[in-house]
């Protein structure tokens, strides 16, 4: 709310408290402000749902990356560093990618 609008509302409230009759201009102003409320609520609601959609898109991207990691057959191939230390990418991960994502969903 702009300073001018806030000041105007303050004058109207003060006038009302003193039981002074409001001017037609003041009443018209209040009606105009009240008429804006549904439009502003609709806009706020739209912004809320857009924000939720954006967050879900980001979450879907993270989940997609994790699924691609676990679905990639290369990550299951054995890379023998030495006879005692075979490395399998998925085994080295130990489910950390999935656990991190699942923890973020809670």
PDB file of N, CA and C in Angstrom:
ATOM      1  N   UNK A   1       0.861  -1.161   0.000  1.00  0.00           N
ATOM      2  CA  UNK A   1       0.000   0.000   0.000  1.00  0.00           C
ATOM      3  C   UNK A   1       0.907   1.224   0.000  1.00  0.00           C
ATOM      4  N   UNK A   2       0.577   2.163  -0.863  1.00  0.00           N
ATOM      5  CA  UNK A   2       1.405   3.368  -0.941  1.00  0.00           C
ATOM      6  C   UNK A   2       1.198   4.233   0.295  1.00  0.00           C
ATOM      7  N   UNK A   3       2.137   5.143   0.506  1.00  0.00           N
ATOM      8  CA  UNK A   3       2.029   6.051   1.660  1.00  0.00           C
ATOM      9  C   UNK A   3       0.780   6.908   1.550  1.00  0.00           C
ATOM     10  N   UNK A   4       0.451   7.324   0.322  1.00  0.00           N
ATOM     11  CA  UNK A   4      -0.732   8.151   0.126  1.00  0.00           C
ATOM     12  C   UNK A   4      -1.992   7.375   0.501  1.00  0.00           C
ATOM     13  N   UNK A   5      -2.076   6.127   0.059  1.00  0.00           N
ATOM     14  CA  UNK A   5      -3.240   5.304   0.391  1.00  0.00           C
ATOM     15  C   UNK A   5      -3.312   5.041   1.886  1.00  0.00           C
ATOM     16  N   UNK A   6      -2.174   4.767   2.503  1.00  0.00           N
ATOM     17  CA  UNK A   6      -2.151   4.517   3.946  1.00  0.00           C
ATOM     18  C   UNK A   6      -2.607   5.755   4.703  1.00  0.00           C
ATOM     19  N   UNK A   7      -2.138   6.918   4.269  1.00  0.00           N
ATOM     20  CA  UNK A   7      -2.539   8.169   4.927  1.00  0.00           C
ATOM     21  C   UNK A   7      -4.028   8.421   4.738  1.00  0.00           C
ATOM     22  N   UNK A   8      -4.504   8.139   3.557  1.00  0.00           N
ATOM     23  CA  UNK A   8      -5.929   8.342   3.271  1.00  0.00           C
ATOM     24  C   UNK A   8      -6.791   7.431   4.134  1.00  0.00           C
ATOM     25  N   UNK A   9      -6.391   6.167   4.251  1.00  0.00           N
ATOM     26  CA  UNK A   9      -7.137   5.237   5.103  1.00  0.00           C
ATOM     27  C   UNK A   9      -7.087   5.676   6.560  1.00  0.00           C
ATOM     28  N   UNK A  10      -5.948   6.190   6.991  1.00  0.00           N
ATOM     29  CA  UNK A  10      -5.821   6.674   8.366  1.00  0.00           C
ATOM     30  C   UNK A  10      -6.816   7.810   8.628  1.00  0.00           C
ATOM     31  N   UNK A  11      -6.916   8.741   7.694  1.00  0.00           N
ATOM     32  CA  UNK A  11      -7.863   9.860   7.843  1.00  0.00           C
ATOM     33  C   UNK A  11      -9.293   9.335   7.913  1.00  0.00           C
ATOM     34  N   UNK A  12      -9.621   8.371   7.062  1.00  0.00           N
ATOM     35  CA  UNK A  12     -10.978   7.811   7.057  1.00  0.00           C
ATOM     36  C   UNK A  12     -11.266   7.109   8.379  1.00  0.00           C
ATOM     37  N   UNK A  13     -10.315   6.313   8.874  1.00  0.00           N
ATOM     38  CA  UNK A  13     -10.510   5.628  10.162  1.00  0.00           C
ATOM     39  C   UNK A  13     -10.699   6.636  11.286  1.00  0.00           C
ATOM     40  N   UNK A  14      -9.857   7.666  11.303  1.00  0.00           N
ATOM     41  CA  UNK A  14      -9.934   8.686  12.344  1.00  0.00           C
ATOM     42  C   UNK A  14     -11.278   9.410  12.284  1.00  0.00           C
ATOM     43  N   UNK A  15     -11.719   9.724  11.088  1.00  0.00           N
ATOM     44  CA  UNK A  15     -13.014  10.388  10.904  1.00  0.00           C
ATOM     45  C   UNK A  15     -14.134   9.499  11.423  1.00  0.00           C
ATOM     46  N   UNK A  16     -14.060   8.220  11.110  1.00  0.00           N
ATOM     47  CA  UNK A  16     -15.096   7.273  11.539  1.00  0.00           C
ATOM     48  C   UNK A  16     -15.118   7.146  13.065  1.00  0.00           C
ATOM     49  N   UNK A  17     -13.942   7.095  13.682  1.00  0.00           N
ATOM     50  CA  UNK A  17     -13.871   6.967  15.138  1.00  0.00           C
ATOM     51  C   UNK A  17     -14.506   8.168  15.838  1.00  0.00           C
ATOM     52  N   UNK A  18     -14.409   9.307  15.227  1.00  0.00           N
ATOM     53  CA  UNK A  18     -14.967  10.519  15.826  1.00  0.00           C
ATOM     54  C   UNK A  18     -16.444  10.711  15.459  1.00  0.00           C
ATOM     55  N   UNK A  19     -16.994   9.726  14.776  1.00  0.00           N
ATOM     56  CA  UNK A  19     -18.403   9.756  14.353  1.00  0.00           C
ATOM     57  C   UNK A  19     -18.702  10.944  13.452  1.00  0.00           C
ATOM     58  N   UNK A  20     -17.730  11.317  12.679  1.00  0.00           N
ATOM     59  CA  UNK A  20     -17.930  12.373  11.700  1.00  0.00           C
ATOM     60  C   UNK A  20     -18.365  11.700  10.407  1.00  0.00           C
ATOM     61  N   UNK A  21     -19.304  12.299   9.755  1.00  0.00           N
ATOM     62  CA  UNK A  21     -19.827  11.725   8.523  1.00  0.00           C
ATOM     63  C   UNK A  21     -18.730  11.707   7.450  1.00  0.00           C
ATOM     64  N   UNK A  22     -18.612  10.555   6.770  1.00  0.00           N
ATOM     65  CA  UNK A  22     -17.611  10.425   5.710  1.00  0.00           C
ATOM     66  C   UNK A  22     -18.092  11.114   4.446  1.00  0.00           C
ATOM     67  N   UNK A  23     -17.150  11.661   3.726  1.00  0.00           N
ATOM     68  CA  UNK A  23     -17.494  12.300   2.454  1.00  0.00           C
ATOM     69  C   UNK A  23     -17.797  11.233   1.414  1.00  0.00           C
ATOM     70  N   UNK A  24     -18.501  11.626   0.389  1.00  0.00           N
ATOM     71  CA  UNK A  24     -18.791  10.714  -0.717  1.00  0.00           C
ATOM     72  C   UNK A  24     -17.486  10.242  -1.345  1.00  0.00           C
ATOM     73  N   UNK A  25     -16.529  11.131  -1.431  1.00  0.00           N
ATOM     74  CA  UNK A  25     -15.224  10.777  -1.993  1.00  0.00           C
ATOM     75  C   UNK A  25     -14.546   9.687  -1.159  1.00  0.00           C
ATOM     76  N   UNK A  26     -14.619   9.810   0.162  1.00  0.00           N
ATOM     77  CA  UNK A  26     -14.012   8.808   1.043  1.00  0.00           C
ATOM     78  C   UNK A  26     -14.714   7.465   0.887  1.00  0.00           C
ATOM     79  N   UNK A  27     -16.028   7.483   0.805  1.00  0.00           N
ATOM     80  CA  UNK A  27     -16.782   6.231   0.634  1.00  0.00           C
ATOM     81  C   UNK A  27     -16.461   5.614  -0.717  1.00  0.00           C
ATOM     82  N   UNK A  28     -16.409   6.420  -1.763  1.00  0.00           N
ATOM     83  CA  UNK A  28     -16.048   5.911  -3.090  1.00  0.00           C
ATOM     84  C   UNK A  28     -14.656   5.279  -3.072  1.00  0.00           C
ATOM     85  N   UNK A  29     -13.746   5.913  -2.354  1.00  0.00           N
ATOM     86  CA  UNK A  29     -12.386   5.387  -2.237  1.00  0.00           C
ATOM     87  C   UNK A  29     -12.399   4.017  -1.555  1.00  0.00           C
ATOM     88  N   UNK A  30     -13.148   3.900  -0.472  1.00  0.00           N
ATOM     89  CA  UNK A  30     -13.226   2.620   0.248  1.00  0.00           C
ATOM     90  C   UNK A  30     -13.841   1.537  -0.626  1.00  0.00           C
ATOM     91  N   UNK A  31     -14.875   1.890  -1.362  1.00  0.00           N
ATOM     92  CA  UNK A  31     -15.515   0.921  -2.259  1.00  0.00           C
ATOM     93  C   UNK A  31     -14.517   0.471  -3.325  1.00  0.00           C
ATOM     94  N   UNK A  32     -13.790   1.423  -3.895  1.00  0.00           N
ATOM     95  CA  UNK A  32     -12.801   1.094  -4.922  1.00  0.00           C
ATOM     96  C   UNK A  32     -11.728   0.159  -4.361  1.00  0.00           C
ATOM     97  N   UNK A  33     -11.269   0.454  -3.158  1.00  0.00           N
ATOM     98  CA  UNK A  33     -10.263  -0.403  -2.526  1.00  0.00           C
ATOM     99  C   UNK A  33     -10.817  -1.805  -2.289  1.00  0.00           C
ATOM    100  N   UNK A  34     -12.042  -1.875  -1.830  1.00  0.00           N
ATOM    101  CA  UNK A  34     -12.669  -3.177  -1.567  1.00  0.00           C
ATOM    102  C   UNK A  34     -12.854  -3.966  -2.860  1.00  0.00           C
ATOM    103  N   UNK A  35     -13.149  -3.277  -3.950  1.00  0.00           N
ATOM    104  CA  UNK A  35     -13.334  -3.960  -5.232  1.00  0.00           C
ATOM    105  C   UNK A  35     -12.024  -4.555  -5.747  1.00  0.00           C
ATOM    106  N   UNK A  36     -10.904  -3.992  -5.335  1.00  0.00           N
ATOM    107  CA  UNK A  36      -9.603  -4.504  -5.752  1.00  0.00           C
ATOM    108  C   UNK A  36      -9.236  -5.815  -5.055  1.00  0.00           C
ATOM    109  N   UNK A  37      -9.812  -6.051  -3.900  1.00  0.00           N
ATOM    110  CA  UNK A  37      -9.418  -7.205  -3.085  1.00  0.00           C
ATOM    111  C   UNK A  37      -9.531  -8.526  -3.838  1.00  0.00           C
ATOM    112  N   UNK A  38     -10.674  -8.856  -4.480  1.00  0.00           N
ATOM    113  CA  UNK A  38     -10.736 -10.150  -5.181  1.00  0.00           C
ATOM    114  C   UNK A  38      -9.679 -10.295  -6.274  1.00  0.00           C
ATOM    115  N   UNK A  39      -9.413  -9.208  -7.002  1.00  0.00           N
ATOM    116  CA  UNK A  39      -8.393  -9.276  -8.051  1.00  0.00           C
ATOM    117  C   UNK A  39      -7.010  -9.530  -7.459  1.00  0.00           C
ATOM    118  N   UNK A  40      -6.714  -8.841  -6.373  1.00  0.00           N
ATOM    119  CA  UNK A  40      -5.410  -9.023  -5.728  1.00  0.00           C
ATOM    120  C   UNK A  40      -5.281 -10.415  -5.125  1.00  0.00           C
ATOM    121  N   UNK A  41      -6.362 -10.917  -4.529  1.00  0.00           N
ATOM    122  CA  UNK A  41      -6.331 -12.277  -3.973  1.00  0.00           C
ATOM    123  C   UNK A  41      -6.108 -13.293  -5.080  1.00  0.00           C
ATOM    124  N   UNK A  42      -6.751 -13.072  -6.221  1.00  0.00           N
ATOM    125  CA  UNK A  42      -6.578 -13.975  -7.359  1.00  0.00           C
ATOM    126  C   UNK A  42      -5.121 -13.956  -7.832  1.00  0.00           C
ATOM    127  N   UNK A  43      -4.538 -12.766  -7.897  1.00  0.00           N
ATOM    128  CA  UNK A  43      -3.144 -12.637  -8.324  1.00  0.00           C
ATOM    129  C   UNK A  43      -2.198 -13.318  -7.337  1.00  0.00           C
ATOM    130  N   UNK A  44      -2.433 -13.107  -6.051  1.00  0.00           N
ATOM    131  CA  UNK A  44      -1.595 -13.739  -5.024  1.00  0.00           C
ATOM    132  C   UNK A  44      -1.717 -15.254  -5.113  1.00  0.00           C
ATOM    133  N   UNK A  45      -2.935 -15.742  -5.291  1.00  0.00           N
ATOM    134  CA  UNK A  45      -3.159 -17.183  -5.407  1.00  0.00           C
ATOM    135  C   UNK A  45      -2.435 -17.737  -6.637  1.00  0.00           C
ATOM    136  N   UNK A  46      -2.514 -17.008  -7.748  1.00  0.00           N
ATOM    137  CA  UNK A  46      -1.819 -17.437  -8.963  1.00  0.00           C
ATOM    138  C   UNK A  46      -0.314 -17.494  -8.767  1.00  0.00           C
ATOM    139  N   UNK A  47       0.221 -16.485  -8.083  1.00  0.00           N
ATOM    140  CA  UNK A  47       1.662 -16.473  -7.810  1.00  0.00           C
ATOM    141  C   UNK A  47       2.054 -17.626  -6.893  1.00  0.00           C
ATOM    142  N   UNK A  48       1.194 -17.923  -5.921  1.00  0.00           N
ATOM    143  CA  UNK A  48       1.460 -19.047  -5.015  1.00  0.00           C
ATOM    144  C   UNK A  48       1.552 -20.352  -5.810  1.00  0.00           C
ATOM    145  N   UNK A  49       0.566 -20.587  -6.687  1.00  0.00           N
ATOM    146  CA  UNK A  49       0.565 -21.840  -7.439  1.00  0.00           C
ATOM    147  C   UNK A  49       1.697 -21.890  -8.454  1.00  0.00           C
ATOM    148  N   UNK A  50       2.077 -20.747  -9.006  1.00  0.00           N
ATOM    149  CA  UNK A  50       3.225 -20.727  -9.920  1.00  0.00           C
ATOM    150  C   UNK A  50       4.498 -21.089  -9.166  1.00  0.00           C
ATOM    151  N   UNK A  51       4.644 -20.563  -7.965  1.00  0.00           N
ATOM    152  CA  UNK A  51       5.801 -20.882  -7.136  1.00  0.00           C
ATOM    153  C   UNK A  51       5.824 -22.376  -6.805  1.00  0.00           C
ATOM    154  N   UNK A  52       4.666 -22.936  -6.457  1.00  0.00           N
ATOM    155  CA  UNK A  52       4.594 -24.374  -6.165  1.00  0.00           C
ATOM    156  C   UNK A  52       4.966 -25.186  -7.402  1.00  0.00           C
ATOM    157  N   UNK A  53       4.493 -24.753  -8.571  1.00  0.00           N
ATOM    158  CA  UNK A  53       4.792 -25.455  -9.813  1.00  0.00           C
ATOM    159  C   UNK A  53       6.292 -25.419 -10.088  1.00  0.00           C
ATOM    160  N   UNK A  54       6.913 -24.248  -9.912  1.00  0.00           N
ATOM    161  CA  UNK A  54       8.357 -24.126 -10.141  1.00  0.00           C
ATOM    162  C   UNK A  54       9.145 -25.028  -9.195  1.00  0.00           C
ATOM    163  N   UNK A  55       8.723 -25.072  -7.922  1.00  0.00           N
ATOM    164  CA  UNK A  55       9.416 -25.950  -6.965  1.00  0.00           C
ATOM    165  C   UNK A  55       9.269 -27.410  -7.374  1.00  0.00           C
ATOM    166  N   UNK A  56       8.076 -27.793  -7.846  1.00  0.00           N
ATOM    167  CA  UNK A  56       7.881 -29.189  -8.244  1.00  0.00           C
ATOM    168  C   UNK A  56       8.687 -29.511  -9.499  1.00  0.00           C
ATOM    169  N   UNK A  57       8.841 -28.538 -10.398  1.00  0.00           N
ATOM    170  CA  UNK A  57       9.667 -28.751 -11.585  1.00  0.00           C
ATOM    171  C   UNK A  57      11.124 -28.992 -11.192  1.00  0.00           C
ATOM    172  N   UNK A  58      11.625 -28.193 -10.262  1.00  0.00           N
ATOM    173  CA  UNK A  58      13.005 -28.361  -9.794  1.00  0.00           C
ATOM    174  C   UNK A  58      13.179 -29.719  -9.122  1.00  0.00           C
ATOM    175  N   UNK A  59      12.201 -30.107  -8.321  1.00  0.00           N
ATOM    176  CA  UNK A  59      12.264 -31.406  -7.647  1.00  0.00           C
ATOM    177  C   UNK A  59      12.229 -32.534  -8.669  1.00  0.00           C
ATOM    178  N   UNK A  60      11.386 -32.407  -9.684  1.00  0.00           N
ATOM    179  CA  UNK A  60      11.317 -33.427 -10.731  1.00  0.00           C
ATOM    180  C   UNK A  60      12.651 -33.569 -11.450  1.00  0.00           C
ATOM    181  N   UNK A  61      13.327 -32.450 -11.694  1.00  0.00           N
ATOM    182  CA  UNK A  61      14.639 -32.509 -12.349  1.00  0.00           C
ATOM    183  C   UNK A  61      15.652 -33.265 -11.491  1.00  0.00           C
ATOM    184  N   UNK A  62      15.657 -32.998 -10.186  1.00  0.00           N
ATOM    185  CA  UNK A  62      16.589 -33.702  -9.290  1.00  0.00           C
ATOM    186  C   UNK A  62      16.273 -35.199  -9.258  1.00  0.00           C
ATOM    187  N   UNK A  63      14.998 -35.537  -9.192  1.00  0.00           N
ATOM    188  CA  UNK A  63      14.606 -36.946  -9.172  1.00  0.00           C
ATOM    189  C   UNK A  63      14.975 -37.626 -10.483  1.00  0.00           C
ATOM    190  N   UNK A  64      14.780 -36.919 -11.589  1.00  0.00           N
ATOM    191  CA  UNK A  64      15.126 -37.465 -12.902  1.00  0.00           C
ATOM    192  C   UNK A  64      16.619 -37.783 -12.975  1.00  0.00           C
ATOM    193  N   UNK A  65      17.452 -36.877 -12.463  1.00  0.00           N
ATOM    194  CA  UNK A  65      18.902 -37.105 -12.472  1.00  0.00           C
ATOM    195  C   UNK A  65      19.269 -38.349 -11.667  1.00  0.00           C
ATOM    196  N   UNK A  66      18.641 -38.519 -10.512  1.00  0.00           N
ATOM    197  CA  UNK A  66      18.936 -39.692  -9.684  1.00  0.00           C
ATOM    198  C   UNK A  66      18.481 -40.965 -10.381  1.00  0.00           C
ATOM    199  N   UNK A  67      17.294 -40.927 -10.970  1.00  0.00           N
ATOM    200  CA  UNK A  67      16.810 -42.108 -11.686  1.00  0.00           C
ATOM    201  C   UNK A  67      17.724 -42.457 -12.856  1.00  0.00           C
ATOM    202  N   UNK A  68      18.195 -41.445 -13.556  1.00  0.00           N
ATOM    203  CA  UNK A  68      19.110 -41.697 -14.672  1.00  0.00           C
ATOM    204  C   UNK A  68      20.410 -42.330 -14.180  1.00  0.00           C
ATOM    205  N   UNK A  69      20.900 -41.898 -13.023  1.00  0.00           N
ATOM    206  CA  UNK A  69      22.118 -42.481 -12.453  1.00  0.00           C
ATOM    207  C   UNK A  69      21.909 -43.968 -12.172  1.00  0.00           C
ATOM    208  N   UNK A  70      20.797 -44.305 -11.506  1.00  0.00           N
ATOM    209  CA  UNK A  70      20.555 -45.705 -11.149  1.00  0.00           C
ATOM    210  C   UNK A  70      20.145 -46.543 -12.356  1.00  0.00           C
ATOM    211  N   UNK A  71      19.604 -45.919 -13.386  1.00  0.00           N
ATOM    212  CA  UNK A  71      19.190 -46.656 -14.580  1.00  0.00           C
ATOM    213  C   UNK A  71      20.340 -46.880 -15.559  1.00  0.00           C
ATOM    214  N   UNK A  72      21.410 -46.125 -15.435  1.00  0.00           N
ATOM    215  CA  UNK A  72      22.534 -46.225 -16.364  1.00  0.00           C
ATOM    216  C   UNK A  72      23.339 -47.494 -16.080  1.00  0.00           C
ATOM    217  N   UNK A  73      23.332 -48.406 -17.034  1.00  0.00           N
ATOM    218  CA  UNK A  73      24.013 -49.693 -16.837  1.00  0.00           C
ATOM    219  C   UNK A  73      25.521 -49.523 -16.632  1.00  0.00           C
ATOM    220  N   UNK A  74      26.092 -48.429 -17.101  1.00  0.00           N
ATOM    221  CA  UNK A  74      27.529 -48.193 -16.908  1.00  0.00           C
ATOM    222  C   UNK A  74      27.879 -48.075 -15.424  1.00  0.00           C
ATOM    223  N   UNK A  75      26.941 -47.610 -14.640  1.00  0.00           N
ATOM    224  CA  UNK A  75      27.201 -47.446 -13.210  1.00  0.00           C
ATOM    225  C   UNK A  75      27.203 -48.775 -12.458  1.00  0.00           C
ATOM    226  N   UNK A  76      26.865 -49.857 -13.151  1.00  0.00           N
ATOM    227  CA  UNK A  76      26.890 -51.187 -12.540  1.00  0.00           C
ATOM    228  C   UNK A  76      28.090 -52.007 -13.023  1.00  0.00           C
ATOM    229  N   UNK A  77      28.858 -51.442 -13.930  1.00  0.00           N
ATOM    230  CA  UNK A  77      30.034 -52.152 -14.439  1.00  0.00           C
ATOM    231  C   UNK A  77      31.130 -52.155 -13.381  1.00  0.00           C
ATOM    232  N   UNK A  78      31.863 -53.248 -13.339  1.00  0.00           N
ATOM    233  CA  UNK A  78      32.940 -53.378 -12.365  1.00  0.00           C
ATOM    234  C   UNK A  78      34.215 -52.772 -12.947  1.00  0.00           C
ATOM    235  N   UNK A  79      34.782 -51.869 -12.188  1.00  0.00           N
ATOM    236  CA  UNK A  79      36.059 -51.265 -12.551  1.00  0.00           C
ATOM    237  C   UNK A  79      37.077 -51.813 -11.556  1.00  0.00           C
ATOM    238  N   UNK A  80      37.889 -52.741 -12.002  1.00  0.00           N
ATOM    239  CA  UNK A  80      38.828 -53.387 -11.101  1.00  0.00           C
ATOM    240  C   UNK A  80      40.082 -52.526 -10.974  1.00  0.00           C
ATOM    241  N   UNK A  81      40.221 -51.929  -9.791  1.00  0.00           N
ATOM    242  CA  UNK A  81      41.396 -51.119  -9.493  1.00  0.00           C
ATOM    243  C   UNK A  81      42.537 -52.054  -9.125  1.00  0.00           C
ATOM    244  N   UNK A  82      42.254 -52.996  -8.287  1.00  0.00           N
ATOM    245  CA  UNK A  82      43.180 -54.080  -7.968  1.00  0.00           C
ATOM    246  C   UNK A  82      42.316 -55.276  -7.583  1.00  0.00           C
ATOM    247  N   UNK A  83      42.935 -56.387  -7.286  1.00  0.00           N
ATOM    248  CA  UNK A  83      42.133 -57.586  -7.040  1.00  0.00           C
ATOM    249  C   UNK A  83      41.290 -57.482  -5.782  1.00  0.00           C
ATOM    250  N   UNK A  84      41.638 -56.577  -4.866  1.00  0.00           N
ATOM    251  CA  UNK A  84      40.881 -56.454  -3.622  1.00  0.00           C
ATOM    252  C   UNK A  84      39.909 -55.273  -3.624  1.00  0.00           C
ATOM    253  N   UNK A  85      39.986 -54.462  -4.636  1.00  0.00           N
ATOM    254  CA  UNK A  85      39.161 -53.259  -4.598  1.00  0.00           C
ATOM    255  C   UNK A  85      38.341 -53.006  -5.839  1.00  0.00           C
ATOM    256  N   UNK A  86      37.462 -53.947  -6.207  1.00  0.00           N
ATOM    257  CA  UNK A  86      36.623 -53.642  -7.363  1.00  0.00           C
ATOM    258  C   UNK A  86      35.703 -52.456  -7.032  1.00  0.00           C
ATOM    259  N   UNK A  87      35.556 -51.570  -7.988  1.00  0.00           N
ATOM    260  CA  UNK A  87      34.706 -50.407  -7.774  1.00  0.00           C
ATOM    261  C   UNK A  87      33.498 -50.479  -8.695  1.00  0.00           C
ATOM    262  N   UNK A  88      32.335 -50.402  -8.096  1.00  0.00           N
ATOM    263  CA  UNK A  88      31.089 -50.334  -8.847  1.00  0.00           C
ATOM    264  C   UNK A  88      30.435 -49.018  -8.427  1.00  0.00           C
ATOM    265  N   UNK A  89      30.217 -48.146  -9.393  1.00  0.00           N
ATOM    266  CA  UNK A  89      29.738 -46.789  -9.109  1.00  0.00           C
ATOM    267  C   UNK A  89      28.505 -46.788  -8.202  1.00  0.00           C
ATOM    268  N   UNK A  90      27.544 -47.645  -8.491  1.00  0.00           N
ATOM    269  CA  UNK A  90      26.319 -47.684  -7.684  1.00  0.00           C
ATOM    270  C   UNK A  90      26.621 -48.167  -6.272  1.00  0.00           C
ATOM    271  N   UNK A  91      27.534 -49.125  -6.138  1.00  0.00           N
ATOM    272  CA  UNK A  91      27.889 -49.624  -4.809  1.00  0.00           C
ATOM    273  C   UNK A  91      28.649 -48.547  -4.029  1.00  0.00           C
ATOM    274  N   UNK A  92      29.490 -47.794  -4.724  1.00  0.00           N
ATOM    275  CA  UNK A  92      30.228 -46.721  -4.060  1.00  0.00           C
ATOM    276  C   UNK A  92      29.267 -45.627  -3.584  1.00  0.00           C
ATOM    277  N   UNK A  93      28.220 -45.406  -4.355  1.00  0.00           N
ATOM    278  CA  UNK A  93      27.209 -44.412  -3.981  1.00  0.00           C
ATOM    279  C   UNK A  93      26.432 -44.898  -2.761  1.00  0.00           C
ATOM    280  N   UNK A  94      26.201 -46.194  -2.683  1.00  0.00           N
ATOM    281  CA  UNK A  94      25.502 -46.774  -1.533  1.00  0.00           C
ATOM    282  C   UNK A  94      24.093 -46.226  -1.329  1.00  0.00           C
ATOM    283  N   UNK A  95      23.488 -45.732  -2.379  1.00  0.00           N
ATOM    284  CA  UNK A  95      22.138 -45.188  -2.262  1.00  0.00           C
ATOM    285  C   UNK A  95      22.094 -43.755  -1.767  1.00  0.00           C
ATOM    286  N   UNK A  96      23.265 -43.111  -1.689  1.00  0.00           N
ATOM    287  CA  UNK A  96      23.325 -41.742  -1.150  1.00  0.00           C
ATOM    288  C   UNK A  96      22.485 -40.758  -1.958  1.00  0.00           C
ATOM    289  N   UNK A  97      22.494 -40.900  -3.285  1.00  0.00           N
ATOM    290  CA  UNK A  97      21.695 -39.990  -4.116  1.00  0.00           C
ATOM    291  C   UNK A  97      20.212 -40.138  -3.783  1.00  0.00           C
ATOM    292  N   UNK A  98      19.759 -41.373  -3.687  1.00  0.00           N
ATOM    293  CA  UNK A  98      18.348 -41.617  -3.377  1.00  0.00           C
ATOM    294  C   UNK A  98      18.010 -41.141  -1.972  1.00  0.00           C
ATOM    295  N   UNK A  99      18.878 -41.424  -1.010  1.00  0.00           N
ATOM    296  CA  UNK A  99      18.620 -41.014   0.376  1.00  0.00           C
ATOM    297  C   UNK A  99      18.556 -39.494   0.490  1.00  0.00           C
ATOM    298  N   UNK A 100      19.449 -38.815  -0.217  1.00  0.00           N
ATOM    299  CA  UNK A 100      19.455 -37.346  -0.181  1.00  0.00           C
ATOM    300  C   UNK A 100      18.145 -36.786  -0.738  1.00  0.00           C
ATOM    301  N   UNK A 101      17.704 -37.341  -1.856  1.00  0.00           N
ATOM    302  CA  UNK A 101      16.456 -36.866  -2.461  1.00  0.00           C
ATOM    303  C   UNK A 101      15.252 -37.196  -1.592  1.00  0.00           C
ATOM    304  N   UNK A 102      15.231 -38.404  -1.052  1.00  0.00           N
ATOM    305  CA  UNK A 102      14.104 -38.789  -0.192  1.00  0.00           C
ATOM    306  C   UNK A 102      14.071 -37.946   1.068  1.00  0.00           C
ATOM    307  N   UNK A 103      15.236 -37.616   1.602  1.00  0.00           N
ATOM    308  CA  UNK A 103      15.296 -36.743   2.778  1.00  0.00           C
ATOM    309  C   UNK A 103      14.771 -35.354   2.470  1.00  0.00           C
ATOM    310  N   UNK A 104      15.021 -34.875   1.264  1.00  0.00           N
ATOM    311  CA  UNK A 104      14.542 -33.558   0.855  1.00  0.00           C
ATOM    312  C   UNK A 104      13.052 -33.512   0.611  1.00  0.00           C
ATOM    313  N   UNK A 105      12.441 -34.667   0.387  1.00  0.00           N
ATOM    314  CA  UNK A 105      10.997 -34.709   0.135  1.00  0.00           C
ATOM    315  C   UNK A 105      10.189 -34.598   1.410  1.00  0.00           C
ATOM    316  N   UNK A 106      10.814 -34.879   2.545  1.00  0.00           N
ATOM    317  CA  UNK A 106      10.072 -34.878   3.818  1.00  0.00           C
ATOM    318  C   UNK A 106       9.912 -33.498   4.363  1.00  0.00           C
TER     319      UNK A 106
END
